[in-house]
PDB file of all heavy atoms in Angstrom:
ATOM      1  N   LEU A   1     -24.756 -38.686  -8.231  1.00  0.00           N
ATOM      2  CA  LEU A   1     -25.291 -38.431  -6.895  1.00  0.00           C
ATOM      3  C   LEU A   1     -26.145 -37.168  -6.852  1.00  0.00           C
ATOM      4  O   LEU A   1     -27.065 -37.061  -6.037  1.00  0.00           O
ATOM      5  CB  LEU A   1     -24.180 -38.353  -5.852  1.00  0.00           C
ATOM      6  CG  LEU A   1     -23.058 -37.332  -5.993  1.00  0.00           C
ATOM      7  CD1 LEU A   1     -22.266 -37.272  -4.674  1.00  0.00           C
ATOM      8  CD2 LEU A   1     -22.072 -37.719  -7.084  1.00  0.00           C
ATOM      9  N   ASP A   2     -25.865 -36.191  -7.727  1.00  0.00           N
ATOM     10  CA  ASP A   2     -26.707 -35.000  -7.781  1.00  0.00           C
ATOM     11  C   ASP A   2     -28.062 -35.330  -8.404  1.00  0.00           C
ATOM     12  O   ASP A   2     -29.115 -34.983  -7.862  1.00  0.00           O
ATOM     13  CB  ASP A   2     -26.020 -33.869  -8.547  1.00  0.00           C
ATOM     14  CG  ASP A   2     -25.559 -34.260  -9.940  1.00  0.00           C
ATOM     15  OD1 ASP A   2     -25.424 -35.466 -10.231  1.00  0.00           O
ATOM     16  OD2 ASP A   2     -25.324 -33.346 -10.760  1.00  0.00           O
ATOM     17  N   TRP A   3     -28.052 -36.031  -9.537  1.00  0.00           N
ATOM     18  CA  TRP A   3     -29.291 -36.432 -10.214  1.00  0.00           C
ATOM     19  C   TRP A   3     -30.145 -37.296  -9.306  1.00  0.00           C
ATOM     20  O   TRP A   3     -31.372 -37.158  -9.262  1.00  0.00           O
ATOM     21  CB  TRP A   3     -28.915 -37.172 -11.485  1.00  0.00           C
ATOM     22  CG  TRP A   3     -30.009 -37.482 -12.451  1.00  0.00           C
ATOM     23  CD1 TRP A   3     -31.295 -37.021 -12.433  1.00  0.00           C
ATOM     24  CD2 TRP A   3     -29.905 -38.338 -13.588  1.00  0.00           C
ATOM     25  NE1 TRP A   3     -31.995 -37.536 -13.490  1.00  0.00           N
ATOM     26  CE2 TRP A   3     -31.164 -38.349 -14.222  1.00  0.00           C
ATOM     27  CE3 TRP A   3     -28.860 -39.090 -14.129  1.00  0.00           C
ATOM     28  CZ2 TRP A   3     -31.418 -39.093 -15.379  1.00  0.00           C
ATOM     29  CZ3 TRP A   3     -29.100 -39.827 -15.282  1.00  0.00           C
ATOM     30  CH2 TRP A   3     -30.365 -39.822 -15.900  1.00  0.00           C
ATOM     31  N   GLN A   4     -29.514 -38.177  -8.534  1.00  0.00           N
ATOM     32  CA  GLN A   4     -30.252 -39.006  -7.586  1.00  0.00           C
ATOM     33  C   GLN A   4     -30.960 -38.141  -6.536  1.00  0.00           C
ATOM     34  O   GLN A   4     -32.107 -38.421  -6.160  1.00  0.00           O
ATOM     35  CB  GLN A   4     -29.293 -39.986  -6.904  1.00  0.00           C
ATOM     36  CG  GLN A   4     -29.974 -40.967  -5.961  1.00  0.00           C
ATOM     37  CD  GLN A   4     -28.983 -41.865  -5.256  1.00  0.00           C
ATOM     38  OE1 GLN A   4     -27.972 -41.406  -4.739  1.00  0.00           O
ATOM     39  NE2 GLN A   4     -29.246 -43.162  -5.243  1.00  0.00           N
ATOM     40  N   LEU A   5     -30.293 -37.081  -6.085  1.00  0.00           N
ATOM     41  CA  LEU A   5     -30.928 -36.180  -5.126  1.00  0.00           C
ATOM     42  C   LEU A   5     -32.117 -35.467  -5.761  1.00  0.00           C
ATOM     43  O   LEU A   5     -33.174 -35.340  -5.140  1.00  0.00           O
ATOM     44  CB  LEU A   5     -29.916 -35.164  -4.607  1.00  0.00           C
ATOM     45  CG  LEU A   5     -30.472 -34.080  -3.670  1.00  0.00           C
ATOM     46  CD1 LEU A   5     -31.103 -34.697  -2.417  1.00  0.00           C
ATOM     47  CD2 LEU A   5     -29.379 -33.081  -3.281  1.00  0.00           C
ATOM     48  N   TRP A   6     -31.944 -34.995  -7.011  1.00  0.00           N
ATOM     49  CA  TRP A   6     -33.077 -34.312  -7.674  1.00  0.00           C
ATOM     50  C   TRP A   6     -34.274 -35.265  -7.761  1.00  0.00           C
ATOM     51  O   TRP A   6     -35.419 -34.848  -7.559  1.00  0.00           O
ATOM     52  CB  TRP A   6     -32.727 -33.850  -9.080  1.00  0.00           C
ATOM     53  CG  TRP A   6     -31.408 -33.205  -9.365  1.00  0.00           C
ATOM     54  CD1 TRP A   6     -30.721 -33.253 -10.546  1.00  0.00           C
ATOM     55  CD2 TRP A   6     -30.592 -32.384  -8.504  1.00  0.00           C
ATOM     56  NE1 TRP A   6     -29.543 -32.551 -10.477  1.00  0.00           N
ATOM     57  CE2 TRP A   6     -29.439 -32.001  -9.228  1.00  0.00           C
ATOM     58  CE3 TRP A   6     -30.720 -31.950  -7.189  1.00  0.00           C
ATOM     59  CZ2 TRP A   6     -28.416 -31.212  -8.697  1.00  0.00           C
ATOM     60  CZ3 TRP A   6     -29.709 -31.168  -6.634  1.00  0.00           C
ATOM     61  CH2 TRP A   6     -28.588 -30.801  -7.373  1.00  0.00           C
ATOM     62  N   GLU A   7     -33.994 -36.546  -8.066  1.00  0.00           N
ATOM     63  CA  GLU A   7     -35.079 -37.518  -8.182  1.00  0.00           C
ATOM     64  C   GLU A   7     -35.815 -37.673  -6.857  1.00  0.00           C
ATOM     65  O   GLU A   7     -37.048 -37.705  -6.813  1.00  0.00           O
ATOM     66  CB  GLU A   7     -34.508 -38.862  -8.651  1.00  0.00           C
ATOM     67  CG  GLU A   7     -35.563 -39.874  -9.094  1.00  0.00           C
ATOM     68  CD  GLU A   7     -36.192 -40.647  -7.950  1.00  0.00           C
ATOM     69  OE1 GLU A   7     -35.523 -40.820  -6.913  1.00  0.00           O
ATOM     70  OE2 GLU A   7     -37.347 -41.079  -8.084  1.00  0.00           O
ATOM     71  N   LYS A   8     -35.074 -37.747  -5.768  1.00  0.00           N
ATOM     72  CA  LYS A   8     -35.706 -37.864  -4.446  1.00  0.00           C
ATOM     73  C   LYS A   8     -36.562 -36.636  -4.137  1.00  0.00           C
ATOM     74  O   LYS A   8     -37.691 -36.744  -3.649  1.00  0.00           O
ATOM     75  CB  LYS A   8     -34.630 -38.026  -3.369  1.00  0.00           C
ATOM     76  CG  LYS A   8     -33.938 -39.372  -3.363  1.00  0.00           C
ATOM     77  CD  LYS A   8     -32.880 -39.421  -2.266  1.00  0.00           C
ATOM     78  CE  LYS A   8     -32.151 -40.746  -2.233  1.00  0.00           C
ATOM     79  NZ  LYS A   8     -31.083 -40.766  -1.202  1.00  0.00           N
ATOM     80  N   LEU A   9     -36.016 -35.466  -4.423  1.00  0.00           N
ATOM     81  CA  LEU A   9     -36.745 -34.227  -4.134  1.00  0.00           C
ATOM     82  C   LEU A   9     -37.962 -34.058  -5.042  1.00  0.00           C
ATOM     83  O   LEU A   9     -38.961 -33.469  -4.640  1.00  0.00           O
ATOM     84  CB  LEU A   9     -35.803 -33.020  -4.291  1.00  0.00           C
ATOM     85  CG  LEU A   9     -34.622 -32.960  -3.319  1.00  0.00           C
ATOM     86  CD1 LEU A   9     -33.723 -31.782  -3.659  1.00  0.00           C
ATOM     87  CD2 LEU A   9     -35.108 -32.859  -1.872  1.00  0.00           C
ATOM     88  N   SER A  10     -37.860 -34.575  -6.265  1.00  0.00           N
ATOM     89  CA  SER A  10     -38.975 -34.429  -7.212  1.00  0.00           C
ATOM     90  C   SER A  10     -40.215 -35.168  -6.742  1.00  0.00           C
ATOM     91  O   SER A  10     -41.330 -34.850  -7.153  1.00  0.00           O
ATOM     92  CB  SER A  10     -38.565 -34.928  -8.597  1.00  0.00           C
ATOM     93  OG  SER A  10     -38.488 -36.343  -8.641  1.00  0.00           O
ATOM     94  N   LYS A  11     -40.042 -36.187  -5.873  1.00  0.00           N
ATOM     95  CA  LYS A  11     -41.169 -36.991  -5.404  1.00  0.00           C
ATOM     96  C   LYS A  11     -41.859 -36.388  -4.180  1.00  0.00           C
ATOM     97  O   LYS A  11     -42.959 -36.814  -3.827  1.00  0.00           O
ATOM     98  CB  LYS A  11     -40.689 -38.412  -5.068  1.00  0.00           C
ATOM     99  CG  LYS A  11     -40.242 -39.208  -6.275  1.00  0.00           C
ATOM    100  CD  LYS A  11     -39.921 -40.651  -5.925  1.00  0.00           C
ATOM    101  CE  LYS A  11     -38.726 -40.779  -5.013  1.00  0.00           C
ATOM    102  NZ  LYS A  11     -38.276 -42.188  -4.852  1.00  0.00           N
ATOM    103  N   LYS A  12     -41.183 -35.459  -3.520  1.00  0.00           N
ATOM    104  CA  LYS A  12     -41.753 -34.895  -2.295  1.00  0.00           C
ATOM    105  C   LYS A  12     -43.045 -34.146  -2.593  1.00  0.00           C
ATOM    106  O   LYS A  12     -43.133 -33.402  -3.569  1.00  0.00           O
ATOM    107  CB  LYS A  12     -40.737 -33.962  -1.630  1.00  0.00           C
ATOM    108  CG  LYS A  12     -39.543 -34.660  -1.021  1.00  0.00           C
ATOM    109  CD  LYS A  12     -38.593 -33.669  -0.368  1.00  0.00           C
ATOM    110  CE  LYS A  12     -39.232 -32.943   0.790  1.00  0.00           C
ATOM    111  NZ  LYS A  12     -38.286 -32.029   1.471  1.00  0.00           N
ATOM    112  N   LYS A  13     -44.022 -34.335  -1.738  1.00  0.00           N
ATOM    113  CA  LYS A  13     -45.324 -33.710  -1.956  1.00  0.00           C
ATOM    114  C   LYS A  13     -45.238 -32.198  -1.832  1.00  0.00           C
ATOM    115  O   LYS A  13     -45.752 -31.454  -2.669  1.00  0.00           O
ATOM    116  CB  LYS A  13     -46.342 -34.271  -0.952  1.00  0.00           C
ATOM    117  CG  LYS A  13     -47.759 -33.769  -1.175  1.00  0.00           C
ATOM    118  CD  LYS A  13     -48.732 -34.456  -0.231  1.00  0.00           C
ATOM    119  CE  LYS A  13     -50.157 -33.960  -0.487  1.00  0.00           C
ATOM    120  NZ  LYS A  13     -51.129 -34.616   0.428  1.00  0.00           N
ATOM    121  N   HIS A  14     -44.611 -31.742  -0.783  1.00  0.00           N
ATOM    122  CA  HIS A  14     -44.498 -30.300  -0.559  1.00  0.00           C
ATOM    123  C   HIS A  14     -43.059 -29.876  -0.851  1.00  0.00           C
ATOM    124  O   HIS A  14     -42.185 -29.914   0.023  1.00  0.00           O
ATOM    125  CB  HIS A  14     -44.901 -29.943   0.869  1.00  0.00           C
ATOM    126  CG  HIS A  14     -46.305 -30.327   1.204  1.00  0.00           C
ATOM    127  ND1 HIS A  14     -47.390 -29.695   0.644  1.00  0.00           N
ATOM    128  CD2 HIS A  14     -46.803 -31.300   2.019  1.00  0.00           C
ATOM    129  CE1 HIS A  14     -48.509 -30.245   1.107  1.00  0.00           C
ATOM    130  NE2 HIS A  14     -48.174 -31.220   1.936  1.00  0.00           N
ATOM    131  N   SER A  15     -42.819 -29.508  -2.084  1.00  0.00           N
ATOM    132  CA  SER A  15     -41.480 -29.144  -2.504  1.00  0.00           C
ATOM    133  C   SER A  15     -41.585 -28.240  -3.725  1.00  0.00           C
ATOM    134  O   SER A  15     -42.669 -28.075  -4.297  1.00  0.00           O
ATOM    135  CB  SER A  15     -40.663 -30.397  -2.832  1.00  0.00           C
ATOM    136  OG  SER A  15     -39.353 -30.058  -3.213  1.00  0.00           O
ATOM    137  N   GLU A  16     -40.474 -27.665  -4.094  1.00  0.00           N
ATOM    138  CA  GLU A  16     -40.472 -26.813  -5.291  1.00  0.00           C
ATOM    139  C   GLU A  16     -39.059 -26.738  -5.863  1.00  0.00           C
ATOM    140  O   GLU A  16     -38.083 -26.598  -5.126  1.00  0.00           O
ATOM    141  CB  GLU A  16     -40.973 -25.402  -4.951  1.00  0.00           C
ATOM    142  CG  GLU A  16     -41.082 -24.492  -6.160  1.00  0.00           C
ATOM    143  CD  GLU A  16     -41.673 -23.119  -5.836  1.00  0.00           C
ATOM    144  OE1 GLU A  16     -42.101 -22.915  -4.672  1.00  0.00           O
ATOM    145  OE2 GLU A  16     -41.696 -22.262  -6.736  1.00  0.00           O
ATOM    146  N   PHE A  17     -38.975 -26.859  -7.180  1.00  0.00           N
ATOM    147  CA  PHE A  17     -37.752 -26.583  -7.910  1.00  0.00           C
ATOM    148  C   PHE A  17     -37.889 -25.172  -8.481  1.00  0.00           C
ATOM    149  O   PHE A  17     -38.822 -24.898  -9.237  1.00  0.00           O
ATOM    150  CB  PHE A  17     -37.559 -27.559  -9.074  1.00  0.00           C
ATOM    151  CG  PHE A  17     -37.137 -28.943  -8.682  1.00  0.00           C
ATOM    152  CD1 PHE A  17     -37.042 -29.334  -7.350  1.00  0.00           C
ATOM    153  CD2 PHE A  17     -36.838 -29.883  -9.652  1.00  0.00           C
ATOM    154  CE1 PHE A  17     -36.658 -30.617  -6.999  1.00  0.00           C
ATOM    155  CE2 PHE A  17     -36.450 -31.173  -9.320  1.00  0.00           C
ATOM    156  CZ  PHE A  17     -36.364 -31.545  -7.992  1.00  0.00           C
ATOM    157  N   VAL A  18     -36.982 -24.300  -8.120  1.00  0.00           N
ATOM    158  CA  VAL A  18     -37.031 -22.911  -8.593  1.00  0.00           C
ATOM    159  C   VAL A  18     -35.959 -22.737  -9.661  1.00  0.00           C
ATOM    160  O   VAL A  18     -34.770 -22.854  -9.381  1.00  0.00           O
ATOM    161  CB  VAL A  18     -36.799 -21.927  -7.428  1.00  0.00           C
ATOM    162  CG1 VAL A  18     -36.837 -20.501  -7.940  1.00  0.00           C
ATOM    163  CG2 VAL A  18     -37.850 -22.143  -6.348  1.00  0.00           C
ATOM    164  N   TYR A  19     -36.391 -22.447 -10.872  1.00  0.00           N
ATOM    165  CA  TYR A  19     -35.484 -22.403 -12.019  1.00  0.00           C
ATOM    166  C   TYR A  19     -35.407 -21.008 -12.614  1.00  0.00           C
ATOM    167  O   TYR A  19     -36.413 -20.422 -12.970  1.00  0.00           O
ATOM    168  CB  TYR A  19     -35.962 -23.402 -13.076  1.00  0.00           C
ATOM    169  CG  TYR A  19     -35.245 -23.346 -14.405  1.00  0.00           C
ATOM    170  CD1 TYR A  19     -33.854 -23.275 -14.481  1.00  0.00           C
ATOM    171  CD2 TYR A  19     -35.969 -23.392 -15.595  1.00  0.00           C
ATOM    172  CE1 TYR A  19     -33.201 -23.241 -15.708  1.00  0.00           C
ATOM    173  CE2 TYR A  19     -35.325 -23.374 -16.821  1.00  0.00           C
ATOM    174  CZ  TYR A  19     -33.951 -23.292 -16.874  1.00  0.00           C
ATOM    175  OH  TYR A  19     -33.313 -23.259 -18.086  1.00  0.00           O
ATOM    176  N   CYS A  20     -34.194 -20.491 -12.709  1.00  0.00           N
ATOM    177  CA  CYS A  20     -33.924 -19.231 -13.408  1.00  0.00           C
ATOM    178  C   CYS A  20     -33.158 -19.598 -14.677  1.00  0.00           C
ATOM    179  O   CYS A  20     -32.046 -20.111 -14.604  1.00  0.00           O
ATOM    180  CB  CYS A  20     -33.096 -18.290 -12.533  1.00  0.00           C
ATOM    181  SG  CYS A  20     -32.491 -16.826 -13.420  1.00  0.00           S
ATOM    182  N   SER A  21     -33.744 -19.346 -15.831  1.00  0.00           N
ATOM    183  CA  SER A  21     -33.151 -19.799 -17.091  1.00  0.00           C
ATOM    184  C   SER A  21     -31.955 -18.962 -17.537  1.00  0.00           C
ATOM    185  O   SER A  21     -31.238 -19.355 -18.466  1.00  0.00           O
ATOM    186  CB  SER A  21     -34.211 -19.798 -18.197  1.00  0.00           C
ATOM    187  OG  SER A  21     -34.735 -18.493 -18.397  1.00  0.00           O
ATOM    188  N   LYS A  22     -31.705 -17.828 -16.888  1.00  0.00           N
ATOM    189  CA  LYS A  22     -30.559 -17.010 -17.269  1.00  0.00           C
ATOM    190  C   LYS A  22     -29.261 -17.778 -17.002  1.00  0.00           C
ATOM    191  O   LYS A  22     -29.106 -18.399 -15.950  1.00  0.00           O
ATOM    192  CB  LYS A  22     -30.536 -15.711 -16.458  1.00  0.00           C
ATOM    193  CG  LYS A  22     -31.693 -14.775 -16.741  1.00  0.00           C
ATOM    194  CD  LYS A  22     -31.598 -13.535 -15.865  1.00  0.00           C
ATOM    195  CE  LYS A  22     -32.772 -12.597 -16.105  1.00  0.00           C
ATOM    196  NZ  LYS A  22     -32.697 -11.397 -15.209  1.00  0.00           N
ATOM    197  N   PRO A  23     -28.307 -17.754 -17.931  1.00  0.00           N
ATOM    198  CA  PRO A  23     -27.028 -18.454 -17.721  1.00  0.00           C
ATOM    199  C   PRO A  23     -26.123 -17.652 -16.780  1.00  0.00           C
ATOM    200  O   PRO A  23     -25.342 -16.815 -17.209  1.00  0.00           O
ATOM    201  CB  PRO A  23     -26.440 -18.549 -19.132  1.00  0.00           C
ATOM    202  CG  PRO A  23     -27.019 -17.382 -19.866  1.00  0.00           C
ATOM    203  CD  PRO A  23     -28.386 -17.142 -19.276  1.00  0.00           C
ATOM    204  N   LEU A  24     -26.224 -17.934 -15.476  1.00  0.00           N
ATOM    205  CA  LEU A  24     -25.541 -17.131 -14.471  1.00  0.00           C
ATOM    206  C   LEU A  24     -24.287 -17.801 -13.898  1.00  0.00           C
ATOM    207  O   LEU A  24     -23.720 -17.307 -12.932  1.00  0.00           O
ATOM    208  CB  LEU A  24     -26.506 -16.777 -13.331  1.00  0.00           C
ATOM    209  CG  LEU A  24     -27.684 -15.877 -13.733  1.00  0.00           C
ATOM    210  CD1 LEU A  24     -28.564 -15.589 -12.522  1.00  0.00           C
ATOM    211  CD2 LEU A  24     -27.199 -14.574 -14.350  1.00  0.00           C
ATOM    212  N   MET A  25     -23.896 -18.906 -14.474  1.00  0.00           N
ATOM    213  CA  MET A  25     -22.618 -19.496 -14.072  1.00  0.00           C
ATOM    214  C   MET A  25     -21.996 -20.216 -15.260  1.00  0.00           C
ATOM    215  O   MET A  25     -22.692 -20.596 -16.207  1.00  0.00           O
ATOM    216  CB  MET A  25     -22.760 -20.421 -12.854  1.00  0.00           C
ATOM    217  CG  MET A  25     -23.657 -21.613 -12.956  1.00  0.00           C
ATOM    218  SD  MET A  25     -22.857 -23.092 -13.667  1.00  0.00           S
ATOM    219  CE  MET A  25     -21.391 -23.217 -12.672  1.00  0.00           C
ATOM    220  N   GLY A  26     -20.678 -20.364 -15.195  1.00  0.00           N
ATOM    221  CA  GLY A  26     -19.953 -20.994 -16.278  1.00  0.00           C
ATOM    222  C   GLY A  26     -19.354 -22.316 -15.837  1.00  0.00           C
ATOM    223  O   GLY A  26     -18.598 -22.376 -14.855  1.00  0.00           O
ATOM    224  N   HIS A  27     -19.697 -23.374 -16.553  1.00  0.00           N
ATOM    225  CA  HIS A  27     -19.195 -24.720 -16.254  1.00  0.00           C
ATOM    226  C   HIS A  27     -18.036 -25.024 -17.198  1.00  0.00           C
ATOM    227  O   HIS A  27     -18.215 -25.049 -18.418  1.00  0.00           O
ATOM    228  CB  HIS A  27     -20.322 -25.732 -16.428  1.00  0.00           C
ATOM    229  CG  HIS A  27     -19.921 -27.147 -16.186  1.00  0.00           C
ATOM    230  ND1 HIS A  27     -19.255 -27.552 -15.046  1.00  0.00           N
ATOM    231  CD2 HIS A  27     -20.085 -28.276 -16.940  1.00  0.00           C
ATOM    232  CE1 HIS A  27     -19.033 -28.850 -15.101  1.00  0.00           C
ATOM    233  NE2 HIS A  27     -19.519 -29.304 -16.244  1.00  0.00           N
ATOM    234  N   ARG A  28     -16.877 -25.239 -16.628  1.00  0.00           N
ATOM    235  CA  ARG A  28     -15.681 -25.440 -17.436  1.00  0.00           C
ATOM    236  C   ARG A  28     -15.566 -26.907 -17.885  1.00  0.00           C
ATOM    237  O   ARG A  28     -15.632 -27.822 -17.068  1.00  0.00           O
ATOM    238  CB  ARG A  28     -14.428 -25.046 -16.652  1.00  0.00           C
ATOM    239  CG  ARG A  28     -13.181 -24.879 -17.513  1.00  0.00           C
ATOM    240  CD  ARG A  28     -11.983 -24.485 -16.658  1.00  0.00           C
ATOM    241  NE  ARG A  28     -12.205 -23.285 -15.887  1.00  0.00           N
ATOM    242  CZ  ARG A  28     -12.005 -22.045 -16.347  1.00  0.00           C
ATOM    243  NH1 ARG A  28     -11.571 -21.869 -17.585  1.00  0.00           N
ATOM    244  NH2 ARG A  28     -12.227 -20.997 -15.565  1.00  0.00           N
ATOM    245  N   ILE A  29     -15.381 -27.102 -19.183  1.00  0.00           N
ATOM    246  CA  ILE A  29     -15.184 -28.425 -19.755  1.00  0.00           C
ATOM    247  C   ILE A  29     -13.702 -28.566 -20.086  1.00  0.00           C
ATOM    248  O   ILE A  29     -13.168 -27.846 -20.931  1.00  0.00           O
ATOM    249  CB  ILE A  29     -16.020 -28.620 -21.037  1.00  0.00           C
ATOM    250  CG1 ILE A  29     -17.497 -28.260 -20.793  1.00  0.00           C
ATOM    251  CG2 ILE A  29     -15.880 -30.046 -21.554  1.00  0.00           C
ATOM    252  CD1 ILE A  29     -18.210 -29.151 -19.817  1.00  0.00           C
ATOM    253  N   HIS A  30     -13.033 -29.476 -19.404  1.00  0.00           N
ATOM    254  CA  HIS A  30     -11.617 -29.696 -19.695  1.00  0.00           C
ATOM    255  C   HIS A  30     -11.246 -31.121 -19.318  1.00  0.00           C
ATOM    256  O   HIS A  30     -11.957 -31.802 -18.573  1.00  0.00           O
ATOM    257  CB  HIS A  30     -10.729 -28.671 -18.970  1.00  0.00           C
ATOM    258  CG  HIS A  30     -10.765 -28.778 -17.472  1.00  0.00           C
ATOM    259  ND1 HIS A  30      -9.791 -29.424 -16.747  1.00  0.00           N
ATOM    260  CD2 HIS A  30     -11.671 -28.334 -16.569  1.00  0.00           C
ATOM    261  CE1 HIS A  30     -10.088 -29.339 -15.453  1.00  0.00           C
ATOM    262  NE2 HIS A  30     -11.221 -28.699 -15.317  1.00  0.00           N
ATOM    263  N   GLU A  31     -10.137 -31.597 -19.819  1.00  0.00           N
ATOM    264  CA  GLU A  31      -9.772 -33.006 -19.708  1.00  0.00           C
ATOM    265  C   GLU A  31      -9.474 -33.452 -18.285  1.00  0.00           C
ATOM    266  O   GLU A  31      -9.560 -34.630 -17.976  1.00  0.00           O
ATOM    267  CB  GLU A  31      -8.568 -33.300 -20.609  1.00  0.00           C
ATOM    268  CG  GLU A  31      -8.902 -33.170 -22.093  1.00  0.00           C
ATOM    269  CD  GLU A  31      -7.689 -33.376 -22.975  1.00  0.00           C
ATOM    270  OE1 GLU A  31      -6.569 -33.410 -22.432  1.00  0.00           O
ATOM    271  OE2 GLU A  31      -7.867 -33.491 -24.197  1.00  0.00           O
ATOM    272  N   GLU A  32      -9.117 -32.498 -17.403  1.00  0.00           N
ATOM    273  CA  GLU A  32      -8.760 -32.857 -16.036  1.00  0.00           C
ATOM    274  C   GLU A  32      -9.958 -32.850 -15.098  1.00  0.00           C
ATOM    275  O   GLU A  32      -9.822 -33.178 -13.922  1.00  0.00           O
ATOM    276  CB  GLU A  32      -7.701 -31.884 -15.505  1.00  0.00           C
ATOM    277  CG  GLU A  32      -6.415 -31.877 -16.323  1.00  0.00           C
ATOM    278  CD  GLU A  32      -5.492 -30.734 -15.929  1.00  0.00           C
ATOM    279  OE1 GLU A  32      -5.759 -30.084 -14.896  1.00  0.00           O
ATOM    280  OE2 GLU A  32      -4.523 -30.491 -16.647  1.00  0.00           O
ATOM    281  N   SER A  33     -11.113 -32.470 -15.600  1.00  0.00           N
ATOM    282  CA  SER A  33     -12.276 -32.327 -14.725  1.00  0.00           C
ATOM    283  C   SER A  33     -12.819 -33.679 -14.304  1.00  0.00           C
ATOM    284  O   SER A  33     -12.634 -34.704 -14.975  1.00  0.00           O
ATOM    285  CB  SER A  33     -13.382 -31.538 -15.429  1.00  0.00           C
ATOM    286  OG  SER A  33     -13.965 -32.320 -16.455  1.00  0.00           O
ATOM    287  N   GLU A  34     -13.530 -33.692 -13.187  1.00  0.00           N
ATOM    288  CA  GLU A  34     -14.139 -34.929 -12.689  1.00  0.00           C
ATOM    289  C   GLU A  34     -15.222 -35.399 -13.650  1.00  0.00           C
ATOM    290  O   GLU A  34     -15.432 -36.601 -13.839  1.00  0.00           O
ATOM    291  CB  GLU A  34     -14.736 -34.693 -11.297  1.00  0.00           C
ATOM    292  CG  GLU A  34     -15.326 -35.932 -10.654  1.00  0.00           C
ATOM    293  CD  GLU A  34     -14.296 -37.028 -10.406  1.00  0.00           C
ATOM    294  OE1 GLU A  34     -13.088 -36.735 -10.355  1.00  0.00           O
ATOM    295  OE2 GLU A  34     -14.717 -38.198 -10.270  1.00  0.00           O
ATOM    296  N   THR A  35     -15.922 -34.453 -14.313  1.00  0.00           N
ATOM    297  CA  THR A  35     -16.947 -34.829 -15.280  1.00  0.00           C
ATOM    298  C   THR A  35     -16.353 -35.663 -16.400  1.00  0.00           C
ATOM    299  O   THR A  35     -16.880 -36.718 -16.773  1.00  0.00           O
ATOM    300  CB  THR A  35     -17.610 -33.577 -15.881  1.00  0.00           C
ATOM    301  OG1 THR A  35     -18.211 -32.823 -14.833  1.00  0.00           O
ATOM    302  CG2 THR A  35     -18.681 -33.959 -16.888  1.00  0.00           C
ATOM    303  N   SER A  36     -15.224 -35.213 -16.937  1.00  0.00           N
ATOM    304  CA  SER A  36     -14.564 -35.967 -18.006  1.00  0.00           C
ATOM    305  C   SER A  36     -14.097 -37.331 -17.509  1.00  0.00           C
ATOM    306  O   SER A  36     -14.200 -38.336 -18.214  1.00  0.00           O
ATOM    307  CB  SER A  36     -13.377 -35.175 -18.557  1.00  0.00           C
ATOM    308  OG  SER A  36     -13.812 -33.982 -19.182  1.00  0.00           O
ATOM    309  N   ALA A  37     -13.620 -37.369 -16.277  1.00  0.00           N
ATOM    310  CA  ALA A  37     -13.104 -38.628 -15.723  1.00  0.00           C
ATOM    311  C   ALA A  37     -14.204 -39.674 -15.581  1.00  0.00           C
ATOM    312  O   ALA A  37     -14.025 -40.834 -15.938  1.00  0.00           O
ATOM    313  CB  ALA A  37     -12.446 -38.369 -14.368  1.00  0.00           C
ATOM    314  N   VAL A  38     -15.359 -39.277 -15.084  1.00  0.00           N
ATOM    315  CA  VAL A  38     -16.419 -40.263 -14.860  1.00  0.00           C
ATOM    316  C   VAL A  38     -17.076 -40.680 -16.162  1.00  0.00           C
ATOM    317  O   VAL A  38     -17.605 -41.790 -16.271  1.00  0.00           O
ATOM    318  CB  VAL A  38     -17.484 -39.742 -13.861  1.00  0.00           C
ATOM    319  CG1 VAL A  38     -16.883 -39.528 -12.498  1.00  0.00           C
ATOM    320  CG2 VAL A  38     -18.162 -38.479 -14.360  1.00  0.00           C
ATOM    321  N   ILE A  39     -17.052 -39.814 -17.182  1.00  0.00           N
ATOM    322  CA  ILE A  39     -17.591 -40.202 -18.483  1.00  0.00           C
ATOM    323  C   ILE A  39     -16.732 -41.296 -19.097  1.00  0.00           C
ATOM    324  O   ILE A  39     -17.212 -42.204 -19.768  1.00  0.00           O
ATOM    325  CB  ILE A  39     -17.711 -38.985 -19.420  1.00  0.00           C
ATOM    326  CG1 ILE A  39     -18.846 -38.075 -18.934  1.00  0.00           C
ATOM    327  CG2 ILE A  39     -17.975 -39.405 -20.863  1.00  0.00           C
ATOM    328  CD1 ILE A  39     -18.941 -36.766 -19.656  1.00  0.00           C
ATOM    329  N   ASP A  40     -15.415 -41.218 -18.864  1.00  0.00           N
ATOM    330  CA  ASP A  40     -14.506 -42.249 -19.359  1.00  0.00           C
ATOM    331  C   ASP A  40     -14.649 -43.565 -18.601  1.00  0.00           C
ATOM    332  O   ASP A  40     -14.218 -44.607 -19.069  1.00  0.00           O
ATOM    333  CB  ASP A  40     -13.049 -41.766 -19.252  1.00  0.00           C
ATOM    334  CG  ASP A  40     -12.719 -40.753 -20.345  1.00  0.00           C
ATOM    335  OD1 ASP A  40     -13.375 -40.790 -21.394  1.00  0.00           O
ATOM    336  OD2 ASP A  40     -11.810 -39.929 -20.131  1.00  0.00           O
ATOM    337  N   ASP A  41     -15.259 -43.499 -17.426  1.00  0.00           N
ATOM    338  CA  ASP A  41     -15.431 -44.692 -16.593  1.00  0.00           C
ATOM    339  C   ASP A  41     -16.654 -45.468 -17.087  1.00  0.00           C
ATOM    340  O   ASP A  41     -17.746 -44.934 -17.205  1.00  0.00           O
ATOM    341  CB  ASP A  41     -15.650 -44.241 -15.137  1.00  0.00           C
ATOM    342  CG  ASP A  41     -15.608 -45.402 -14.165  1.00  0.00           C
ATOM    343  OD1 ASP A  41     -15.866 -46.542 -14.585  1.00  0.00           O
ATOM    344  OD2 ASP A  41     -15.323 -45.146 -12.983  1.00  0.00           O
ATOM    345  N   ASN A  42     -16.488 -46.754 -17.354  1.00  0.00           N
ATOM    346  CA  ASN A  42     -17.587 -47.568 -17.869  1.00  0.00           C
ATOM    347  C   ASN A  42     -18.758 -47.672 -16.899  1.00  0.00           C
ATOM    348  O   ASN A  42     -19.871 -48.020 -17.289  1.00  0.00           O
ATOM    349  CB  ASN A  42     -17.080 -48.974 -18.207  1.00  0.00           C
ATOM    350  CG  ASN A  42     -16.139 -48.970 -19.396  1.00  0.00           C
ATOM    351  OD1 ASN A  42     -16.252 -48.118 -20.268  1.00  0.00           O
ATOM    352  ND2 ASN A  42     -15.215 -49.923 -19.427  1.00  0.00           N
TER     353      ASN A  42
END
């Protein structure tokens, strides 16, 4: 659902994606996370 939103916003004529390449947040990878759960889902 996040990627789908980026796709919608990427098409807008008057829009901007502002990207700071500095790693300013930490994404935790662990077995109980929703990310792991949906990857296991076919």
